[in-house]
């Protein structure tokens, strides 16, 4: 069986819909909303505001229900404090 190159794997990775909460496993399971594709990377943005970051698709996975709940709760708390999102 031939070895797949990173670009072959990226093409087989299904690109999520904009806004889908994703977990970056290369950054201590940081959760962010999917913003789009930037070359070989996916762009994610923190749910409570902040700068976007890029992640390799093989290091990103959809957030599970508990991770989504925590992220949405953090977003609501940030809004109630008046933080800029």
C-alpha atoms as a PDB file:
ATOM      1  CA  UNK A   1       0.000   0.000   0.000  1.00  0.00           C
ATOM      2  CA  UNK A   2       1.587   3.353  -1.010  1.00  0.00           C
ATOM      3  CA  UNK A   3       2.393   5.957   1.637  1.00  0.00           C
ATOM      4  CA  UNK A   4       0.088   8.977   1.514  1.00  0.00           C
ATOM      5  CA  UNK A   5       1.631  12.416   1.424  1.00  0.00           C
ATOM      6  CA  UNK A   6       0.241  15.180   3.707  1.00  0.00           C
ATOM      7  CA  UNK A   7      -1.542  16.786   0.755  1.00  0.00           C
ATOM      8  CA  UNK A   8      -3.254  13.481  -0.085  1.00  0.00           C
ATOM      9  CA  UNK A   9      -4.548  13.214   3.485  1.00  0.00           C
ATOM     10  CA  UNK A  10      -5.786  16.808   3.455  1.00  0.00           C
ATOM     11  CA  UNK A  11      -7.796  16.178   0.310  1.00  0.00           C
ATOM     12  CA  UNK A  12      -9.507  13.229   1.989  1.00  0.00           C
ATOM     13  CA  UNK A  13     -10.224  15.209   5.191  1.00  0.00           C
ATOM     14  CA  UNK A  14     -13.752  16.571   5.076  1.00  0.00           C
ATOM     15  CA  UNK A  15     -13.761  20.346   5.457  1.00  0.00           C
ATOM     16  CA  UNK A  16     -16.235  21.362   8.187  1.00  0.00           C
ATOM     17  CA  UNK A  17     -18.902  24.024   7.775  1.00  0.00           C
ATOM     18  CA  UNK A  18     -18.017  27.585   8.797  1.00  0.00           C
ATOM     19  CA  UNK A  19     -18.686  28.030  12.525  1.00  0.00           C
ATOM     20  CA  UNK A  20     -18.332  24.350  13.444  1.00  0.00           C
ATOM     21  CA  UNK A  21     -16.625  24.023  16.810  1.00  0.00           C
ATOM     22  CA  UNK A  22     -13.360  22.141  16.392  1.00  0.00           C
ATOM     23  CA  UNK A  23     -10.717  20.917  18.837  1.00  0.00           C
ATOM     24  CA  UNK A  24      -7.031  21.515  18.080  1.00  0.00           C
ATOM     25  CA  UNK A  25      -5.304  18.438  19.506  1.00  0.00           C
ATOM     26  CA  UNK A  26      -1.857  19.970  18.899  1.00  0.00           C
ATOM     27  CA  UNK A  27      -2.627  22.884  21.251  1.00  0.00           C
ATOM     28  CA  UNK A  28      -3.843  21.225  24.442  1.00  0.00           C
ATOM     29  CA  UNK A  29      -7.338  20.551  23.014  1.00  0.00           C
ATOM     30  CA  UNK A  30      -8.061  24.233  22.423  1.00  0.00           C
ATOM     31  CA  UNK A  31     -11.583  24.775  21.038  1.00  0.00           C
ATOM     32  CA  UNK A  32     -12.297  27.190  18.214  1.00  0.00           C
ATOM     33  CA  UNK A  33     -14.830  27.890  15.533  1.00  0.00           C
ATOM     34  CA  UNK A  34     -13.873  26.824  12.022  1.00  0.00           C
ATOM     35  CA  UNK A  35     -13.291  29.909   9.827  1.00  0.00           C
ATOM     36  CA  UNK A  36     -12.006  28.446   6.574  1.00  0.00           C
ATOM     37  CA  UNK A  37      -9.087  26.922   4.716  1.00  0.00           C
ATOM     38  CA  UNK A  38      -5.761  28.766   4.490  1.00  0.00           C
ATOM     39  CA  UNK A  39      -3.479  26.828   2.168  1.00  0.00           C
ATOM     40  CA  UNK A  40      -2.696  23.483   3.812  1.00  0.00           C
ATOM     41  CA  UNK A  41      -4.151  24.643   7.162  1.00  0.00           C
ATOM     42  CA  UNK A  42      -7.563  25.232   8.690  1.00  0.00           C
ATOM     43  CA  UNK A  43      -8.239  28.537  10.451  1.00  0.00           C
ATOM     44  CA  UNK A  44      -9.900  28.425  13.859  1.00  0.00           C
ATOM     45  CA  UNK A  45     -11.008  31.330  16.052  1.00  0.00           C
ATOM     46  CA  UNK A  46     -11.417  31.216  19.845  1.00  0.00           C
ATOM     47  CA  UNK A  47     -15.066  31.120  20.910  1.00  0.00           C
ATOM     48  CA  UNK A  48     -14.554  33.991  23.379  1.00  0.00           C
ATOM     49  CA  UNK A  49     -12.835  36.245  20.854  1.00  0.00           C
ATOM     50  CA  UNK A  50      -9.203  36.683  19.998  1.00  0.00           C
ATOM     51  CA  UNK A  51      -6.855  35.989  17.159  1.00  0.00           C
ATOM     52  CA  UNK A  52      -7.407  33.169  14.709  1.00  0.00           C
ATOM     53  CA  UNK A  53      -4.837  30.414  14.551  1.00  0.00           C
ATOM     54  CA  UNK A  54      -4.037  27.771  11.995  1.00  0.00           C
ATOM     55  CA  UNK A  55      -4.031  24.037  12.510  1.00  0.00           C
ATOM     56  CA  UNK A  56      -3.148  21.110  10.299  1.00  0.00           C
ATOM     57  CA  UNK A  57      -6.338  19.197   9.424  1.00  0.00           C
ATOM     58  CA  UNK A  58      -4.945  15.989  10.938  1.00  0.00           C
ATOM     59  CA  UNK A  59      -4.731  17.782  14.329  1.00  0.00           C
ATOM     60  CA  UNK A  60      -8.353  18.984  14.254  1.00  0.00           C
ATOM     61  CA  UNK A  61     -11.478  17.095  15.204  1.00  0.00           C
ATOM     62  CA  UNK A  62     -15.094  18.125  15.843  1.00  0.00           C
ATOM     63  CA  UNK A  63     -15.833  19.086  19.439  1.00  0.00           C
ATOM     64  CA  UNK A  64     -17.773  16.493  21.406  1.00  0.00           C
ATOM     65  CA  UNK A  65     -21.027  17.512  23.166  1.00  0.00           C
ATOM     66  CA  UNK A  66     -19.309  18.369  26.486  1.00  0.00           C
ATOM     67  CA  UNK A  67     -16.639  20.467  24.742  1.00  0.00           C
ATOM     68  CA  UNK A  68     -19.348  22.327  22.792  1.00  0.00           C
ATOM     69  CA  UNK A  69     -21.296  22.978  25.996  1.00  0.00           C
ATOM     70  CA  UNK A  70     -18.201  24.354  27.756  1.00  0.00           C
ATOM     71  CA  UNK A  71     -17.343  26.581  24.792  1.00  0.00           C
ATOM     72  CA  UNK A  72     -20.879  27.969  24.517  1.00  0.00           C
ATOM     73  CA  UNK A  73     -20.986  28.571  28.269  1.00  0.00           C
ATOM     74  CA  UNK A  74     -17.655  30.415  28.123  1.00  0.00           C
ATOM     75  CA  UNK A  75     -18.982  32.546  25.247  1.00  0.00           C
ATOM     76  CA  UNK A  76     -22.133  33.445  27.210  1.00  0.00           C
ATOM     77  CA  UNK A  77     -20.060  34.344  30.270  1.00  0.00           C
ATOM     78  CA  UNK A  78     -17.774  36.549  28.170  1.00  0.00           C
ATOM     79  CA  UNK A  79     -20.784  38.364  26.697  1.00  0.00           C
ATOM     80  CA  UNK A  80     -22.286  38.920  30.155  1.00  0.00           C
ATOM     81  CA  UNK A  81     -18.984  40.505  31.275  1.00  0.00           C
ATOM     82  CA  UNK A  82     -19.092  42.805  28.271  1.00  0.00           C
ATOM     83  CA  UNK A  83     -16.018  41.311  26.604  1.00  0.00           C
ATOM     84  CA  UNK A  84     -15.518  42.104  22.930  1.00  0.00           C
ATOM     85  CA  UNK A  85     -16.106  38.920  20.945  1.00  0.00           C
END
